């Protein structure tokens, strides 16, 4: 299951990504927001993080205007490794090397087709499991 959330700046792209997930037959839970009315992105970053922390969801997608603020907010949550990706290569590498569990994108930065490609790469790429990468992830998780 995928948790998806956005603020008002990412709402339009979130709706497009949700449709794409539906078309692929992938289950998701929408953690908000639900309109273009101004909201505070940390609330939605935390809502998605809670779905991952509880085990209800395995991956998350967060979208704000640039992707920057919402990724910063998500990374403050224990166990969350959120990666801001605006190209497929970054999405692939953050899964392979960082085992990122939340994809962040900027709804006003990238176009629809690119966002959907990034989403697919992120969701279809598995963590490499290499010891050197796991050691680095453990260091992040332990605050080193």
Foldseek 3Di string as FASTA:
>chain_A
DEEEEEFLQQQVLSVLLVVVCVVVVHDYDYQDDDHNPGDDLLVRLVSRLVCCVVVVDQAYEYEHQAQVVSQVSNLVDQPAQEDEDQAQVSLQCCQQQVVGRYYTYHNNPHDNVRVNSNVCSNVVHHHNPDPVSVVVNVCVNVVD
